[in-house]
Structures are given as C-alpha cells and as structure tokens.
N, C-alpha and C. Protein backbone atom coordinates (compact mmCIF):
# COMPACT_ATOMS: atom_id res chain seq x y z
N MET A 1 11.99 27.70 51.06
CA MET A 1 12.39 28.00 49.69
C MET A 1 13.05 26.76 49.09
N VAL A 2 12.65 26.42 47.88
CA VAL A 2 13.19 25.25 47.19
C VAL A 2 14.43 25.67 46.40
N PRO A 3 15.56 24.96 46.59
CA PRO A 3 16.76 25.29 45.81
C PRO A 3 16.48 25.16 44.32
N ALA A 4 17.10 26.01 43.53
CA ALA A 4 16.86 26.04 42.09
C ALA A 4 17.16 24.71 41.42
N ASN A 5 18.19 23.99 41.89
CA ASN A 5 18.53 22.72 41.26
C ASN A 5 17.45 21.67 41.51
N LEU A 6 16.88 21.66 42.68
CA LEU A 6 15.80 20.72 42.98
C LEU A 6 14.57 21.07 42.15
N LEU A 7 14.29 22.34 42.00
CA LEU A 7 13.17 22.77 41.18
C LEU A 7 13.38 22.35 39.72
N ALA A 8 14.60 22.49 39.21
CA ALA A 8 14.89 22.07 37.84
C ALA A 8 14.70 20.57 37.69
N LEU A 9 15.10 19.80 38.69
CA LEU A 9 14.90 18.34 38.65
C LEU A 9 13.41 18.01 38.63
N LEU A 10 12.64 18.64 39.47
CA LEU A 10 11.20 18.39 39.52
C LEU A 10 10.53 18.77 38.20
N ARG A 11 10.95 19.88 37.61
CA ARG A 11 10.39 20.29 36.32
C ARG A 11 10.74 19.29 35.23
N THR A 12 11.96 18.75 35.28
CA THR A 12 12.38 17.74 34.30
C THR A 12 11.57 16.46 34.47
N LEU A 13 11.35 16.04 35.70
CA LEU A 13 10.57 14.83 35.94
C LEU A 13 9.11 15.01 35.54
N ALA A 14 8.59 16.21 35.72
CA ALA A 14 7.20 16.49 35.38
C ALA A 14 6.98 16.55 33.88
N ASP A 15 7.98 17.02 33.13
CA ASP A 15 7.86 17.15 31.68
C ASP A 15 9.20 16.86 31.04
N ALA A 16 9.35 15.67 30.49
CA ALA A 16 10.63 15.26 29.88
C ALA A 16 11.00 16.11 28.67
N ARG A 17 10.05 16.86 28.12
CA ARG A 17 10.35 17.73 26.97
C ARG A 17 10.95 19.07 27.39
N ASP A 18 10.97 19.35 28.67
CA ASP A 18 11.50 20.63 29.17
C ASP A 18 13.03 20.58 29.17
N THR A 19 13.62 20.87 28.01
CA THR A 19 15.07 20.77 27.87
C THR A 19 15.80 21.87 28.65
N LEU A 20 15.14 22.99 28.88
CA LEU A 20 15.77 24.06 29.66
C LEU A 20 15.95 23.62 31.11
N ALA A 21 14.92 23.00 31.68
CA ALA A 21 15.03 22.50 33.05
C ALA A 21 16.06 21.38 33.13
N PHE A 22 16.09 20.50 32.12
CA PHE A 22 17.07 19.41 32.11
C PHE A 22 18.49 19.97 32.06
N GLY A 23 18.72 20.95 31.21
CA GLY A 23 20.04 21.58 31.13
C GLY A 23 20.44 22.27 32.42
N ALA A 24 19.47 22.94 33.04
CA ALA A 24 19.75 23.62 34.32
C ALA A 24 20.11 22.60 35.39
N PHE A 25 19.40 21.47 35.41
CA PHE A 25 19.71 20.43 36.40
C PHE A 25 21.10 19.84 36.13
N MET A 26 21.40 19.54 34.88
CA MET A 26 22.68 18.91 34.54
C MET A 26 23.87 19.83 34.83
N ARG A 27 23.67 21.15 34.76
CA ARG A 27 24.75 22.09 35.06
C ARG A 27 24.83 22.44 36.54
N GLY A 28 23.83 22.02 37.31
CA GLY A 28 23.76 22.36 38.73
C GLY A 28 24.71 21.54 39.59
N PRO A 29 24.67 21.79 40.89
CA PRO A 29 25.62 21.17 41.83
C PRO A 29 25.45 19.66 42.03
N MET A 30 24.35 19.07 41.57
CA MET A 30 24.20 17.62 41.71
C MET A 30 24.97 16.86 40.63
N VAL A 31 25.14 17.47 39.45
CA VAL A 31 25.79 16.78 38.33
C VAL A 31 27.08 17.49 37.90
N TRP A 32 27.07 18.81 37.85
CA TRP A 32 28.23 19.63 37.52
C TRP A 32 28.78 19.43 36.11
N LEU A 33 27.94 19.34 35.11
CA LEU A 33 28.46 19.30 33.74
C LEU A 33 28.89 20.71 33.34
N THR A 34 29.95 20.79 32.56
CA THR A 34 30.41 22.09 32.06
C THR A 34 29.64 22.43 30.78
N ASP A 35 29.82 23.65 30.32
CA ASP A 35 29.19 24.07 29.07
C ASP A 35 29.65 23.20 27.90
N GLU A 36 30.89 22.73 27.96
CA GLU A 36 31.42 21.90 26.89
C GLU A 36 30.86 20.47 26.95
N GLU A 37 30.62 19.97 28.15
CA GLU A 37 30.13 18.60 28.33
C GLU A 37 28.64 18.46 28.06
N LEU A 38 27.88 19.52 28.25
CA LEU A 38 26.43 19.45 28.13
C LEU A 38 25.96 19.02 26.73
N PRO A 39 26.46 19.62 25.64
CA PRO A 39 26.03 19.15 24.32
C PRO A 39 26.42 17.70 24.05
N ASP A 40 27.58 17.28 24.56
CA ASP A 40 28.01 15.90 24.38
C ASP A 40 27.04 14.93 25.06
N SER A 41 26.58 15.28 26.26
CA SER A 41 25.66 14.39 26.97
C SER A 41 24.30 14.36 26.27
N ALA A 42 23.88 15.48 25.68
CA ALA A 42 22.62 15.50 24.94
C ALA A 42 22.71 14.60 23.72
N GLU A 43 23.83 14.62 23.02
CA GLU A 43 24.02 13.74 21.87
C GLU A 43 24.03 12.28 22.30
N GLU A 44 24.62 12.00 23.44
CA GLU A 44 24.66 10.63 23.96
C GLU A 44 23.25 10.12 24.28
N VAL A 45 22.42 10.98 24.84
CA VAL A 45 21.04 10.60 25.15
C VAL A 45 20.29 10.31 23.86
N ARG A 46 20.47 11.18 22.85
CA ARG A 46 19.81 10.96 21.56
C ARG A 46 20.25 9.65 20.93
N ALA A 47 21.53 9.34 21.00
CA ALA A 47 22.04 8.10 20.43
C ALA A 47 21.49 6.89 21.18
N THR A 48 21.38 6.98 22.48
CA THR A 48 20.89 5.88 23.30
C THR A 48 19.41 5.61 23.04
N THR A 49 18.64 6.67 22.78
CA THR A 49 17.20 6.51 22.58
C THR A 49 16.84 6.38 21.11
N GLY A 50 17.83 6.25 20.25
CA GLY A 50 17.55 6.12 18.82
C GLY A 50 17.03 7.38 18.20
N GLY A 51 17.42 8.53 18.75
CA GLY A 51 16.98 9.81 18.21
C GLY A 51 15.63 10.27 18.72
N VAL A 52 14.99 9.46 19.54
CA VAL A 52 13.68 9.81 20.09
C VAL A 52 13.88 10.52 21.41
N LYS A 53 13.28 11.68 21.55
CA LYS A 53 13.38 12.42 22.82
C LYS A 53 12.63 11.66 23.89
N PRO A 54 13.15 11.69 25.13
CA PRO A 54 12.43 11.04 26.23
C PRO A 54 11.00 11.58 26.34
N GLY A 55 10.05 10.69 26.55
CA GLY A 55 8.67 11.09 26.68
C GLY A 55 7.93 11.17 25.36
N HIS A 56 8.60 10.85 24.25
CA HIS A 56 7.96 10.88 22.93
C HIS A 56 7.93 9.49 22.34
N ALA A 57 6.86 9.19 21.66
CA ALA A 57 6.77 7.91 20.94
C ALA A 57 7.44 8.06 19.59
N PRO A 58 8.13 7.03 19.10
CA PRO A 58 8.75 7.12 17.78
C PRO A 58 7.70 7.29 16.70
N GLU A 59 8.02 8.02 15.66
CA GLU A 59 7.08 8.27 14.58
C GLU A 59 7.17 7.19 13.54
C-alpha cells in the first residue's frame, strides 16, 4: 500500500496543475504546512513564477 503523502507527491509530479494533490502533499508529514501557511506558500509560488502556474506557458 502506498502512503497517501507519497501518492499526492507522485500525482503532483505527474500533473503540475493538480493543485489538490499539491495541497495534500504540502500539508502532509513531509512538509507539515498548516492551513494558515498553505495560502501564503501558494502566493509565494505565484510571485516567484510571475503569476504563471507551474507547467503552463505564459500567455
């Protein structure tokens, strides 16, 4: 049986647009972000990528 956190990581790596899997991984035991920290980290990723989601080409 594959642990849920590892499955979430694999789903995130397979599809960078899968924000549910990314959130599940970030809240899991490998990273341990809290509910309050998760939106902050998402904003940081958007700022770092210039507003472009990972896996997407800029328009």
